[in-house]
Amino acid sequence: MDLIITTGIIVLLLLFLSGAPLAIALCIGGGFIAHFHIGLPVSALAQISFSSISSYPLLAMPFFILAGNIILRSGCMEQLRDFMQAMVGHWPGGLSVAAIIFAAFLGSISGSAAACLAILGIVIVPLLVDAGYDRAFAAGLSVTSAELGLLIPPSLFFIIFGAMNRVSIADLFLAGVGPGLLCAFLMSLYAIFISKKRKYPTVKKSTFKIKQQTAFKALPVLLMPVVVLGGIYSGIFSPTQAASVSVVYAILIGFFIYGQLNWEGVLDSAVSTVKLSSMIYFMIIGADIVGKVFAYIEIPQTIAELVVEQDLSPLGFLFVVEALLLVMGFFFSSLPMLVIVLPVFLPSVYELGIDPVFYGVLAMIVTLIGEITPPMGPQLWMAAPICGEKMGAIAKETWGFLGAMVLATILITLFPSIAMFLVNLLA
């Protein structure tokens, strides 16, 4: 390997290991190789930086983040929680199932695992602990079910993956519904099994009147994903326009229905959105520079040639990639995996005739599993202070839920229609 390329990669790794922001490590390491090996002038690097984020589909990302931040401040979380509890809280393990369903709905509103985890840790964990559940189990359930927010649309990761790789974001949204619901279902089965085994208590069955009341109070927030996704797939607006609609909808129900939103909350939401969006955009810039360097030194092409030489079937290729991503996920967080690693396999995906939408969904699930596995597991590090439990205890309780996600991944790989049914139906 060329000395300059080796030096650039070493610089990137040293910056990453030193604790520097990954975006800076990517920009400096990738920029070093691009400038001194490829010969790109600094002005060209600036142009790459601009073009990598001047994408119309990427405009959806900050608006969905803003809508999620606003909805979390709107006062609807308690009503949504009470509705889920009234519906299934009397089942064996019903409260844990309600928490998973709550996370699934929350994910369809915010599209962010971090936002889901924060509200689950604040709202759901104390509820489960007060009801007699172990805090470690409640925290493990919360940190894994929060990942549903990046599968069930609108998902920020699907927006980024689609925009960076020219894959239909609307199709990715559709393809994420089945896998997200399957993961939620299998996780619920495991939660019921553990709840029965440990004899966790249930709550008194709610009357039909209480169910009606809680459903009525939760209806506005329950309709949010219907309005947003229904508008996209009916052709009324694009995913980017839908993101703007979601912001308006969140503001309207926050001010006029739930009444807990104020202009200070809107301002706080905007500030939080700018901080998170800037970080992600900066990451995309660094990843685009590194991606172009990888393409120049033909890393994706080499991987594609190796795949062809091994004469792997599409199914065999998918299982190999899933295994690789799962191992890599132990050491890297999900966003670097999304913007750097997943695109590397795309030439092979096209070479084997695999639908990039299907590949994107499968790769996303495996990447999210890595998000909550030691030693990196950034969601575990976040969950410890939010849920008030030691990370080791939380990690121990996550393995069963992770097993459910792995099983879901295998089933989806073997039966692609789980992910592609809606895509093909509405094509």
Protein backbone atom coordinates (compact mmCIF):
# COMPACT_ATOMS: atom_id res chain seq x y z
CA MET A 1 0.00 0.00 0.00
CA ASP A 2 1.22 3.50 -0.81
CA LEU A 3 2.99 5.30 2.08
CA ILE A 4 0.66 8.31 1.85
CA ILE A 5 -2.45 6.10 2.00
CA THR A 6 -1.02 4.20 4.97
CA THR A 7 -0.16 7.47 6.72
CA GLY A 8 -3.64 8.87 6.11
CA ILE A 9 -5.33 5.76 7.50
CA ILE A 10 -3.03 5.79 10.55
CA VAL A 11 -3.83 9.47 11.16
CA LEU A 12 -7.55 8.71 10.91
CA LEU A 13 -7.30 5.80 13.36
CA LEU A 14 -5.12 7.73 15.82
CA LEU A 15 -7.55 10.65 15.86
CA PHE A 16 -10.46 8.27 16.35
CA LEU A 17 -8.74 6.37 19.17
CA SER A 18 -7.67 9.62 20.85
CA GLY A 19 -11.31 10.56 21.33
CA ALA A 20 -11.49 13.23 18.63
CA PRO A 21 -14.90 13.61 16.96
CA LEU A 22 -15.17 11.01 14.22
CA ALA A 23 -16.16 13.65 11.67
CA ILE A 24 -12.85 15.45 12.24
CA ALA A 25 -10.91 12.18 12.01
CA LEU A 26 -12.62 11.33 8.71
CA CYS A 27 -12.09 14.79 7.21
CA ILE A 28 -8.42 15.04 8.19
CA GLY A 29 -7.49 11.43 7.35
CA GLY A 30 -9.48 11.31 4.13
CA GLY A 31 -8.48 14.83 3.15
CA PHE A 32 -4.79 13.99 3.66
CA ILE A 33 -5.00 11.06 1.24
CA ALA A 34 -7.16 12.97 -1.25
CA HIS A 35 -4.78 15.95 -1.33
CA PHE A 36 -1.37 14.27 -1.23
CA HIS A 37 -2.09 10.97 -3.02
CA ILE A 38 -4.90 11.75 -5.44
CA GLY A 39 -3.78 15.35 -5.91
CA LEU A 40 -7.08 17.07 -5.25
CA PRO A 41 -6.65 20.77 -4.39
CA VAL A 42 -8.17 22.12 -1.19
CA SER A 43 -10.81 23.94 -3.25
CA ALA A 44 -11.95 20.58 -4.66
CA LEU A 45 -12.25 19.18 -1.13
CA ALA A 46 -14.38 22.18 -0.23
CA GLN A 47 -16.59 21.47 -3.25
CA ILE A 48 -16.93 17.81 -2.22
CA SER A 49 -17.91 18.96 1.28
CA PHE A 50 -20.62 21.20 -0.12
CA SER A 51 -21.98 18.73 -2.67
CA SER A 52 -22.14 15.86 -0.16
CA ILE A 53 -24.78 17.64 1.91
CA SER A 54 -26.48 19.80 -0.73
CA SER A 55 -29.03 17.07 -1.30
CA TYR A 56 -32.78 17.67 -1.40
CA PRO A 57 -33.63 14.37 0.36
CA LEU A 58 -31.22 15.24 3.19
CA LEU A 59 -33.37 18.28 3.97
CA ALA A 60 -35.86 15.87 5.51
CA MET A 61 -33.44 14.94 8.29
CA PRO A 62 -33.42 18.17 10.36
CA PHE A 63 -37.18 18.58 9.97
CA PHE A 64 -37.92 15.08 11.26
CA ILE A 65 -35.50 15.68 14.14
CA LEU A 66 -37.25 18.97 14.91
CA ALA A 67 -40.67 17.32 14.79
CA GLY A 68 -39.46 14.63 17.20
CA ASN A 69 -38.01 17.18 19.60
CA ILE A 70 -41.22 19.20 19.56
CA ILE A 71 -43.47 16.19 20.08
CA LEU A 72 -41.41 15.13 23.10
CA ARG A 73 -42.11 18.56 24.63
CA SER A 74 -45.78 18.64 23.67
CA GLY A 75 -47.12 16.75 26.69
CA CYS A 76 -48.45 13.74 24.77
CA MET A 77 -46.09 11.09 26.15
CA GLU A 78 -48.17 10.42 29.27
CA GLN A 79 -51.35 9.97 27.21
CA LEU A 80 -49.58 7.59 24.83
CA ARG A 81 -48.16 5.60 27.75
CA ASP A 82 -51.56 5.38 29.47
CA PHE A 83 -53.20 4.17 26.27
CA MET A 84 -50.67 1.36 25.78
CA GLN A 85 -50.96 0.37 29.43
CA ALA A 86 -54.77 0.28 29.27
CA MET A 87 -54.68 -1.90 26.15
CA VAL A 88 -52.21 -4.61 27.18
CA GLY A 89 -51.12 -3.89 30.76
CA HIS A 90 -53.27 -6.75 32.15
CA TRP A 91 -51.51 -9.39 30.03
CA PRO A 92 -48.73 -11.50 31.56
CA GLY A 93 -45.75 -9.25 30.93
CA GLY A 94 -48.23 -6.73 29.60
CA LEU A 95 -46.41 -3.67 30.92
CA SER A 96 -43.21 -4.73 29.18
CA VAL A 97 -45.16 -5.35 25.96
CA ALA A 98 -46.76 -1.93 26.36
CA ALA A 99 -43.28 -0.44 26.69
CA ILE A 100 -42.17 -2.07 23.43
CA ILE A 101 -45.32 -0.91 21.60
CA PHE A 102 -44.80 2.55 23.10
CA ALA A 103 -41.24 2.55 21.74
CA ALA A 104 -42.47 1.49 18.30
CA PHE A 105 -44.96 4.37 18.17
CA LEU A 106 -42.40 6.76 19.58
CA GLY A 107 -39.95 5.68 16.89
CA SER A 108 -42.49 6.37 14.17
CA ILE A 109 -42.83 9.88 15.57
CA SER A 110 -39.23 10.85 16.33
CA GLY A 111 -37.20 8.60 14.04
CA SER A 112 -34.33 8.73 16.53
CA ALA A 113 -33.06 5.97 18.82
CA ALA A 114 -31.48 8.50 21.17
CA ALA A 115 -34.76 10.39 21.55
CA CYS A 116 -36.63 7.12 22.13
CA LEU A 117 -34.14 6.02 24.77
CA ALA A 118 -34.34 9.34 26.60
CA ILE A 119 -38.13 9.30 26.88
CA LEU A 120 -38.26 5.57 27.67
CA GLY A 121 -35.75 6.06 30.46
CA ILE A 122 -37.73 8.96 31.89
CA VAL A 123 -41.28 7.67 31.42
CA ILE A 124 -41.22 3.87 31.10
CA VAL A 125 -38.40 2.66 33.37
CA PRO A 126 -39.86 4.26 36.54
CA LEU A 127 -43.30 2.88 35.60
CA LEU A 128 -41.96 -0.68 35.29
CA VAL A 129 -39.87 -0.41 38.46
CA ASP A 130 -42.86 0.87 40.46
CA ALA A 131 -44.91 -2.05 39.11
CA GLY A 132 -42.35 -4.57 40.43
CA TYR A 133 -40.01 -5.12 37.48
CA ASP A 134 -36.24 -5.24 37.98
CA ARG A 135 -34.61 -1.95 37.03
CA ALA A 136 -31.93 -3.73 34.97
CA PHE A 137 -34.61 -5.58 32.97
CA ALA A 138 -36.56 -2.36 32.44
CA ALA A 139 -33.41 -0.59 31.27
CA GLY A 140 -32.40 -3.49 28.97
CA LEU A 141 -35.87 -3.54 27.45
CA SER A 142 -35.77 0.23 26.95
CA VAL A 143 -32.34 0.38 25.31
CA THR A 144 -33.17 -2.39 22.82
CA SER A 145 -36.71 -1.31 21.99
CA ALA A 146 -35.42 2.24 21.42
CA GLU A 147 -33.69 0.87 18.31
CA LEU A 148 -37.13 0.37 16.75
CA GLY A 149 -37.08 4.12 16.18
CA LEU A 150 -34.49 3.61 13.46
CA LEU A 151 -36.43 0.85 11.69
CA ILE A 152 -40.03 2.01 11.77
CA PRO A 153 -40.39 5.08 9.53
CA PRO A 154 -39.63 7.88 9.41
CA SER A 155 -36.07 6.77 10.19
CA LEU A 156 -33.16 9.20 10.15
CA PHE A 157 -30.81 6.40 9.17
CA PHE A 158 -32.94 5.46 6.15
CA ILE A 159 -32.92 9.12 5.08
CA ILE A 160 -29.12 9.29 5.33
CA PHE A 161 -28.57 5.91 3.63
CA GLY A 162 -30.99 6.73 0.83
CA ALA A 163 -29.64 10.21 0.21
CA MET A 164 -25.98 9.15 0.23
CA ASN A 165 -26.44 6.11 -2.01
CA ARG A 166 -29.27 7.27 -4.29
CA VAL A 167 -31.73 4.70 -2.98
CA SER A 168 -35.41 5.58 -2.73
CA ILE A 169 -36.13 6.88 0.77
CA ALA A 170 -39.85 6.22 0.36
CA ASP A 171 -39.11 2.58 -0.49
CA LEU A 172 -36.75 2.28 2.48
CA PHE A 173 -39.51 3.62 4.72
CA LEU A 174 -41.94 1.02 3.38
CA ALA A 175 -39.40 -1.78 3.67
CA GLY A 176 -38.70 -0.87 7.30
CA VAL A 177 -42.28 -1.39 8.47
CA GLY A 178 -42.38 -5.21 8.31
CA PRO A 179 -38.95 -5.78 9.90
CA GLY A 180 -39.68 -3.21 12.59
CA LEU A 181 -42.97 -4.85 13.52
CA LEU A 182 -41.38 -8.32 13.41
CA CYS A 183 -38.63 -7.20 15.78
CA ALA A 184 -41.23 -5.68 18.10
CA PHE A 185 -43.28 -8.90 18.02
CA LEU A 186 -40.33 -11.21 18.80
CA MET A 187 -39.09 -8.86 21.51
CA SER A 188 -42.58 -8.87 23.03
CA LEU A 189 -42.63 -12.69 23.07
CA TYR A 190 -39.32 -12.72 24.91
CA ALA A 191 -40.55 -10.06 27.35
CA ILE A 192 -43.66 -12.14 28.10
CA PHE A 193 -41.53 -15.27 28.62
CA ILE A 194 -39.19 -13.52 31.06
CA SER A 195 -42.07 -11.79 32.87
CA LYS A 196 -43.81 -15.14 33.41
CA LYS A 197 -40.57 -16.83 34.47
CA ARG A 198 -39.75 -14.11 37.00
CA LYS A 199 -43.41 -13.67 37.97
CA TYR A 200 -43.50 -9.94 37.33
CA PRO A 201 -46.89 -8.46 38.31
CA THR A 202 -49.64 -7.27 35.99
CA VAL A 203 -52.02 -4.36 36.39
CA LYS A 204 -55.77 -4.55 36.76
CA LYS A 205 -57.63 -4.90 33.46
CA SER A 206 -58.94 -1.53 32.31
CA THR A 207 -62.62 -1.07 31.67
CA PHE A 208 -63.88 -0.38 28.18
CA LYS A 209 -64.63 3.20 29.23
CA ILE A 210 -61.04 3.79 30.37
CA LYS A 211 -59.74 2.31 27.13
CA GLN A 212 -61.97 4.68 25.19
CA GLN A 213 -60.82 7.67 27.22
CA THR A 214 -57.12 6.89 26.89
CA ALA A 215 -57.51 6.16 23.17
CA PHE A 216 -59.27 9.50 22.63
CA LYS A 217 -56.52 11.40 24.47
CA ALA A 218 -53.76 9.60 22.57
CA LEU A 219 -55.46 9.79 19.17
CA PRO A 220 -53.80 13.02 17.93
CA VAL A 221 -50.29 11.70 18.47
CA LEU A 222 -51.25 8.26 17.16
CA LEU A 223 -52.42 9.91 13.94
CA MET A 224 -49.09 11.66 13.35
CA PRO A 225 -47.36 8.75 11.55
CA VAL A 226 -50.59 8.10 9.63
CA VAL A 227 -50.69 11.69 8.39
CA VAL A 228 -46.99 11.79 7.52
CA LEU A 229 -46.62 8.37 5.92
CA GLY A 230 -50.09 8.43 4.40
CA GLY A 231 -49.25 11.68 2.67
CA ILE A 232 -46.03 10.22 1.27
CA TYR A 233 -47.51 7.04 -0.15
CA SER A 234 -50.68 8.67 -1.43
CA GLY A 235 -48.49 11.02 -3.45
CA ILE A 236 -49.67 14.20 -1.72
CA PHE A 237 -46.12 15.14 -0.71
CA SER A 238 -42.56 13.84 -0.90
CA PRO A 239 -40.60 12.54 2.12
CA THR A 240 -38.86 15.91 2.42
CA GLN A 241 -42.15 17.79 2.32
CA ALA A 242 -43.58 15.26 4.78
CA ALA A 243 -40.85 16.22 7.23
CA SER A 244 -42.04 19.84 7.10
CA VAL A 245 -45.64 18.72 7.54
CA SER A 246 -44.63 16.70 10.60
CA VAL A 247 -43.16 19.84 12.20
CA VAL A 248 -46.37 21.81 11.61
CA TYR A 249 -48.47 18.91 12.92
CA ALA A 250 -46.32 18.57 16.04
CA ILE A 251 -46.60 22.30 16.77
CA LEU A 252 -50.37 22.31 16.28
CA ILE A 253 -51.09 19.39 18.63
CA GLY A 254 -48.51 20.64 21.13
CA PHE A 255 -50.08 24.10 21.37
CA PHE A 256 -53.76 23.47 20.78
CA ILE A 257 -54.51 19.89 21.88
CA TYR A 258 -52.07 18.86 24.61
CA GLY A 259 -51.31 22.43 25.60
CA GLN A 260 -47.90 21.90 27.17
CA LEU A 261 -45.83 23.29 24.32
CA ASN A 262 -44.69 26.92 24.46
CA TRP A 263 -42.39 29.04 22.35
CA GLU A 264 -39.50 28.40 24.71
CA GLY A 265 -39.98 24.68 24.05
CA VAL A 266 -39.99 25.31 20.30
CA LEU A 267 -36.76 27.31 20.63
CA ASP A 268 -35.13 24.56 22.73
CA SER A 269 -36.22 22.03 20.13
CA ALA A 270 -34.68 24.12 17.36
CA VAL A 271 -31.38 24.45 19.21
CA SER A 272 -31.23 20.70 19.89
CA THR A 273 -32.05 20.03 16.24
CA VAL A 274 -29.28 22.31 14.97
CA LYS A 275 -26.72 20.63 17.25
CA LEU A 276 -27.65 17.09 16.20
CA SER A 277 -28.13 17.90 12.52
CA SER A 278 -24.79 19.71 12.34
CA MET A 279 -23.02 16.71 13.83
CA ILE A 280 -24.64 14.36 11.33
CA TYR A 281 -23.98 16.64 8.35
CA PHE A 282 -20.34 16.99 9.38
CA MET A 283 -20.12 13.20 9.64
CA ILE A 284 -21.59 12.84 6.15
CA ILE A 285 -18.97 15.26 4.75
CA GLY A 286 -16.14 13.25 6.27
CA ALA A 287 -17.64 9.96 5.13
CA ASP A 288 -18.08 11.27 1.57
CA ILE A 289 -14.42 12.28 1.40
CA VAL A 290 -13.30 8.89 2.73
CA GLY A 291 -15.77 7.15 0.41
CA LYS A 292 -14.30 8.89 -2.63
CA VAL A 293 -10.82 7.94 -1.47
CA PHE A 294 -11.92 4.32 -1.06
CA ALA A 295 -13.44 4.39 -4.54
CA TYR A 296 -10.22 5.85 -6.01
CA ILE A 297 -8.05 3.14 -4.45
CA GLU A 298 -10.73 0.62 -5.55
CA ILE A 299 -11.63 -0.91 -2.19
CA PRO A 300 -15.34 -1.44 -3.09
CA GLN A 301 -14.34 -2.80 -6.49
CA THR A 302 -11.87 -5.21 -4.89
CA ILE A 303 -14.55 -6.48 -2.50
CA ALA A 304 -16.94 -6.94 -5.42
CA GLU A 305 -14.30 -8.93 -7.33
CA LEU A 306 -13.66 -11.13 -4.29
CA VAL A 307 -17.38 -11.83 -4.01
CA VAL A 308 -17.54 -12.80 -7.69
CA GLU A 309 -14.47 -15.04 -7.32
CA GLN A 310 -16.02 -16.83 -4.33
CA ASP A 311 -19.09 -17.52 -6.46
CA LEU A 312 -21.41 -16.64 -3.56
CA SER A 313 -25.14 -16.77 -4.09
CA PRO A 314 -27.11 -13.64 -3.15
CA LEU A 315 -28.31 -15.42 -0.01
CA GLY A 316 -24.79 -16.52 0.91
CA PHE A 317 -23.47 -13.01 0.31
CA LEU A 318 -26.11 -11.47 2.56
CA PHE A 319 -25.32 -13.87 5.40
CA VAL A 320 -21.57 -13.18 5.05
CA VAL A 321 -22.13 -9.41 5.07
CA GLU A 322 -24.45 -9.67 8.07
CA ALA A 323 -21.80 -11.64 9.99
CA LEU A 324 -19.13 -9.08 9.10
CA LEU A 325 -21.33 -6.15 10.08
CA LEU A 326 -22.27 -7.86 13.34
CA VAL A 327 -18.60 -8.32 14.30
CA MET A 328 -17.70 -4.78 13.23
CA GLY A 329 -20.65 -3.48 15.22
CA PHE A 330 -18.96 -4.68 18.41
CA PHE A 331 -16.29 -2.01 17.90
CA PHE A 332 -17.93 0.79 15.90
CA SER A 333 -21.09 2.76 16.56
CA SER A 334 -23.97 2.75 14.10
CA LEU A 335 -23.48 6.13 12.39
CA PRO A 336 -19.90 5.43 11.20
CA MET A 337 -21.08 2.00 10.06
CA LEU A 338 -23.93 3.62 8.15
CA VAL A 339 -21.92 6.27 6.34
CA ILE A 340 -18.63 4.41 5.79
CA VAL A 341 -19.08 0.63 5.86
CA LEU A 342 -22.53 -0.03 4.35
CA PRO A 343 -21.81 1.75 1.02
CA VAL A 344 -18.65 -0.35 0.52
CA PHE A 345 -20.74 -3.46 -0.19
CA LEU A 346 -23.16 -1.77 -2.60
CA PRO A 347 -21.21 -2.59 -5.80
CA SER A 348 -21.42 -6.27 -4.84
CA VAL A 349 -25.11 -5.85 -4.07
CA TYR A 350 -25.76 -4.55 -7.58
CA GLU A 351 -23.43 -7.16 -9.10
CA LEU A 352 -25.48 -9.98 -7.53
CA GLY A 353 -28.83 -8.43 -8.45
CA ILE A 354 -29.89 -7.80 -4.85
CA ASP A 355 -32.38 -4.98 -4.34
CA PRO A 356 -30.46 -2.16 -2.62
CA VAL A 357 -33.57 -1.35 -0.58
CA PHE A 358 -33.62 -4.90 0.80
CA TYR A 359 -29.88 -4.76 1.50
CA GLY A 360 -30.28 -1.40 3.23
CA VAL A 361 -32.94 -2.70 5.61
CA LEU A 362 -31.02 -5.88 6.49
CA ALA A 363 -27.76 -4.01 6.98
CA MET A 364 -29.55 -1.46 9.15
CA ILE A 365 -30.91 -4.09 11.52
CA VAL A 366 -27.49 -5.68 11.98
CA THR A 367 -25.91 -2.25 12.47
CA LEU A 368 -28.47 -1.42 15.15
CA ILE A 369 -27.65 -4.66 16.97
CA GLY A 370 -24.06 -3.42 17.16
CA GLU A 371 -25.37 -0.16 18.64
CA ILE A 372 -26.18 -2.00 21.89
CA THR A 373 -23.40 -4.60 22.11
CA PRO A 374 -20.21 -4.15 24.17
CA PRO A 375 -17.53 -2.89 24.10
CA MET A 376 -18.63 0.18 22.11
CA GLY A 377 -22.41 0.01 22.42
CA PRO A 378 -23.02 3.77 22.58
CA GLN A 379 -26.67 3.28 23.51
CA LEU A 380 -25.56 1.29 26.58
CA TRP A 381 -23.35 4.16 27.70
CA MET A 382 -26.30 6.53 27.30
CA ALA A 383 -28.74 4.18 29.02
CA ALA A 384 -26.73 3.83 32.24
CA PRO A 385 -27.21 7.41 33.52
CA ILE A 386 -30.69 7.80 31.98
CA CYS A 387 -32.05 4.60 33.52
CA GLY A 388 -30.06 4.80 36.75
CA GLU A 389 -28.47 1.35 36.40
CA LYS A 390 -24.95 -0.02 35.87
CA MET A 391 -24.02 -0.65 32.25
CA GLY A 392 -22.98 -4.25 32.95
CA ALA A 393 -26.37 -5.08 34.45
CA ILE A 394 -28.15 -3.46 31.50
CA ALA A 395 -25.98 -5.30 28.96
CA LYS A 396 -26.78 -8.63 30.64
CA GLU A 397 -30.52 -8.02 30.21
CA THR A 398 -30.21 -7.02 26.56
CA TRP A 399 -29.00 -10.38 25.23
CA GLY A 400 -32.43 -11.95 24.98
CA PHE A 401 -33.82 -8.95 23.11
CA LEU A 402 -30.75 -8.91 20.85
CA GLY A 403 -31.39 -12.60 20.16
CA ALA A 404 -34.90 -11.66 19.04
CA MET A 405 -33.43 -9.09 16.64
CA VAL A 406 -30.94 -11.63 15.27
CA LEU A 407 -33.76 -14.12 14.72
CA ALA A 408 -35.75 -11.41 12.94
CA THR A 409 -32.75 -10.70 10.70
CA ILE A 410 -32.42 -14.38 9.75
CA LEU A 411 -36.14 -14.64 8.98
CA ILE A 412 -36.08 -11.49 6.84
CA THR A 413 -33.02 -12.74 4.95
CA LEU A 414 -34.73 -16.05 4.21
CA PHE A 415 -38.12 -14.49 3.47
CA PRO A 416 -37.51 -11.13 1.73
CA SER A 417 -41.25 -10.48 1.37
CA ILE A 418 -41.33 -9.53 5.07
CA ALA A 419 -39.50 -6.36 4.07
CA MET A 420 -40.45 -6.00 0.42
CA PHE A 421 -44.18 -6.78 0.52
CA LEU A 422 -45.30 -3.18 0.94
CA VAL A 423 -42.69 -1.92 -1.52
CA ASN A 424 -43.91 -4.34 -4.21
CA LEU A 425 -47.57 -3.71 -3.33
CA LEU A 426 -47.29 0.06 -3.77
CA ALA A 427 -44.74 0.02 -6.61
